[in-house]
C-alpha atoms as a PDB file:
ATOM      1  CA  SER A   1      54.493  25.557  -1.511  1.00  0.00           C
ATOM      2  CA  PRO A   2      51.860  28.067  -3.345  1.00  0.00           C
ATOM      3  CA  ASP A   3      51.421  25.402  -5.981  1.00  0.00           C
ATOM      4  CA  SER A   4      50.676  22.683  -3.355  1.00  0.00           C
ATOM      5  CA  SER A   5      48.179  24.942  -1.508  1.00  0.00           C
ATOM      6  CA  THR A   6      46.486  25.929  -4.749  1.00  0.00           C
ATOM      7  CA  CYS A   7      46.256  22.103  -5.643  1.00  0.00           C
ATOM      8  CA  SER A   8      44.964  21.419  -2.317  1.00  0.00           C
ATOM      9  CA  SER A   9      42.356  24.391  -2.330  1.00  0.00           C
ATOM     10  CA  ARG A  10      41.448  23.413  -5.960  1.00  0.00           C
ATOM     11  CA  ASP A  11      41.063  19.746  -5.087  1.00  0.00           C
ATOM     12  CA  PRO A  12      38.273  20.110  -2.681  1.00  0.00           C
ATOM     13  CA  SER A  13      36.276  22.377  -4.728  1.00  0.00           C
ATOM     14  CA  PRO A  14      36.044  20.008  -7.899  1.00  0.00           C
ATOM     15  CA  CYS A  15      35.540  16.991  -5.368  1.00  0.00           C
ATOM     16  CA  ALA A  16      32.612  18.736  -3.772  1.00  0.00           C
ATOM     17  CA  ARG A  17      31.248  19.772  -7.123  1.00  0.00           C
ATOM     18  CA  GLY A  18      31.756  16.513  -8.794  1.00  0.00           C
ATOM     19  CA  PRO A  19      29.693  14.641  -5.872  1.00  0.00           C
ATOM     20  CA  GLY A  20      27.433  17.381  -5.554  1.00  0.00           C
ATOM     21  CA  SER A  21      26.152  17.537  -9.457  1.00  0.00           C
ATOM     22  CA  PHE A  22      26.026  13.654  -9.179  1.00  0.00           C
ATOM     23  CA  GLN A  23      23.843  13.839  -5.969  1.00  0.00           C
ATOM     24  CA  HIS A  24      21.489  16.263  -7.609  1.00  0.00           C
ATOM     25  CA  ALA A  25      20.614  13.556 -10.311  1.00  0.00           C
ATOM     26  CA  PRO A  26      20.226  10.802  -7.515  1.00  0.00           C
ATOM     27  CA  ILE A  27      17.907  13.358  -5.458  1.00  0.00           C
ATOM     28  CA  ILE A  28      15.581  13.827  -8.436  1.00  0.00           C
ATOM     29  CA  ARG A  29      15.661  10.040  -9.240  1.00  0.00           C
ATOM     30  CA  ARG A  30      14.969   9.608  -5.434  1.00  0.00           C
ATOM     31  CA  GLN A  31      11.936  12.181  -5.506  1.00  0.00           C
ATOM     32  CA  SER A  32      10.652  10.195  -8.597  1.00  0.00           C
ATOM     33  CA  THR A  33      10.842   6.844  -6.924  1.00  0.00           C
ATOM     34  CA  THR A  34       9.658   8.119  -3.626  1.00  0.00           C
ATOM     35  CA  GLU A  35       6.645   9.567  -5.544  1.00  0.00           C
ATOM     36  CA  GLU A  36       6.258   6.174  -7.629  1.00  0.00           C
ATOM     37  CA  ILE A  37       6.373   4.277  -4.155  1.00  0.00           C
ATOM     38  CA  LEU A  38       4.160   6.564  -2.570  1.00  0.00           C
ATOM     39  CA  ILE A  39       1.687   6.515  -5.380  1.00  0.00           C
ATOM     40  CA  ALA A  40       1.803   2.987  -5.611  1.00  0.00           C
ATOM     41  CA  ARG A  41       1.613   2.434  -2.067  1.00  0.00           C
ATOM     42  CA  GLY A  42      -1.625   4.816  -2.028  1.00  0.00           C
ATOM     43  CA  PHE A  43      -3.176   2.863  -4.859  1.00  0.00           C
ATOM     44  CA  ARG A  44      -2.182  -0.412  -3.349  1.00  0.00           C
ATOM     45  CA  ARG A  45      -3.627   0.739   0.011  1.00  0.00           C
ATOM     46  CA  GLN A  46      -6.540   1.860  -1.206  1.00  0.00           C
ATOM     47  CA  SER A  47      -7.211  -1.390  -3.310  1.00  0.00           C
ATOM     48  CA  THR A  48      -6.255  -3.386  -0.536  1.00  0.00           C
ATOM     49  CA  THR A  49      -8.574  -1.430   1.878  1.00  0.00           C
ATOM     50  CA  GLU A  50     -11.331  -1.558  -0.798  1.00  0.00           C
ATOM     51  CA  GLU A  51     -10.842  -5.410  -1.469  1.00  0.00           C
ATOM     52  CA  MET A  52     -10.721  -6.097   2.388  1.00  0.00           C
ATOM     53  CA  ILE A  53     -13.774  -3.909   3.099  1.00  0.00           C
ATOM     54  CA  ARG A  54     -15.529  -5.744  -0.010  1.00  0.00           C
ATOM     55  CA  CYS A  55     -14.339  -9.267   1.194  1.00  0.00           C
ATOM     56  CA  ARG A  56     -15.591  -8.160   4.903  1.00  0.00           C
ATOM     57  CA  ASN A  57     -18.843  -7.031   3.526  1.00  0.00           C
ATOM     58  CA  PHE A  58     -19.266 -10.133   1.517  1.00  0.00           C
ATOM     59  CA  ARG A  59     -18.229 -12.311   4.297  1.00  0.00           C
ATOM     60  CA  ARG A  60     -20.608 -10.365   6.701  1.00  0.00           C
ATOM     61  CA  GLN A  61     -23.301 -10.676   4.147  1.00  0.00           C
ATOM     62  CA  SER A  62     -22.651 -14.242   3.780  1.00  0.00           C
ATOM     63  CA  SER A  63     -22.559 -14.745   7.375  1.00  0.00           C
ATOM     64  CA  GLN A  64     -25.624 -12.867   7.854  1.00  0.00           C
ATOM     65  CA  SER A  65     -27.441 -14.928   5.386  1.00  0.00           C
ATOM     66  CA  ASP A  66     -26.039 -18.208   6.769  1.00  0.00           C
ATOM     67  CA  ASP A  67     -27.569 -16.899  10.203  1.00  0.00           C
ATOM     68  CA  THR A  68     -30.926 -16.077   8.557  1.00  0.00           C
END
């Protein structure tokens, strides 16, 4: 009976440690991916907003020039 209890008590600890160590790596990867995604989204948002504003400005200028 003590063997089974020790085995059962030992099983959860390594199981918890195993996935725990594995989880640490994905968390770091998730952080890097999230940072990359956030950075990419930020640059993309800035570029898209600038492009949209520029396009709108050019369109407005062209429309104004057309009106005049």
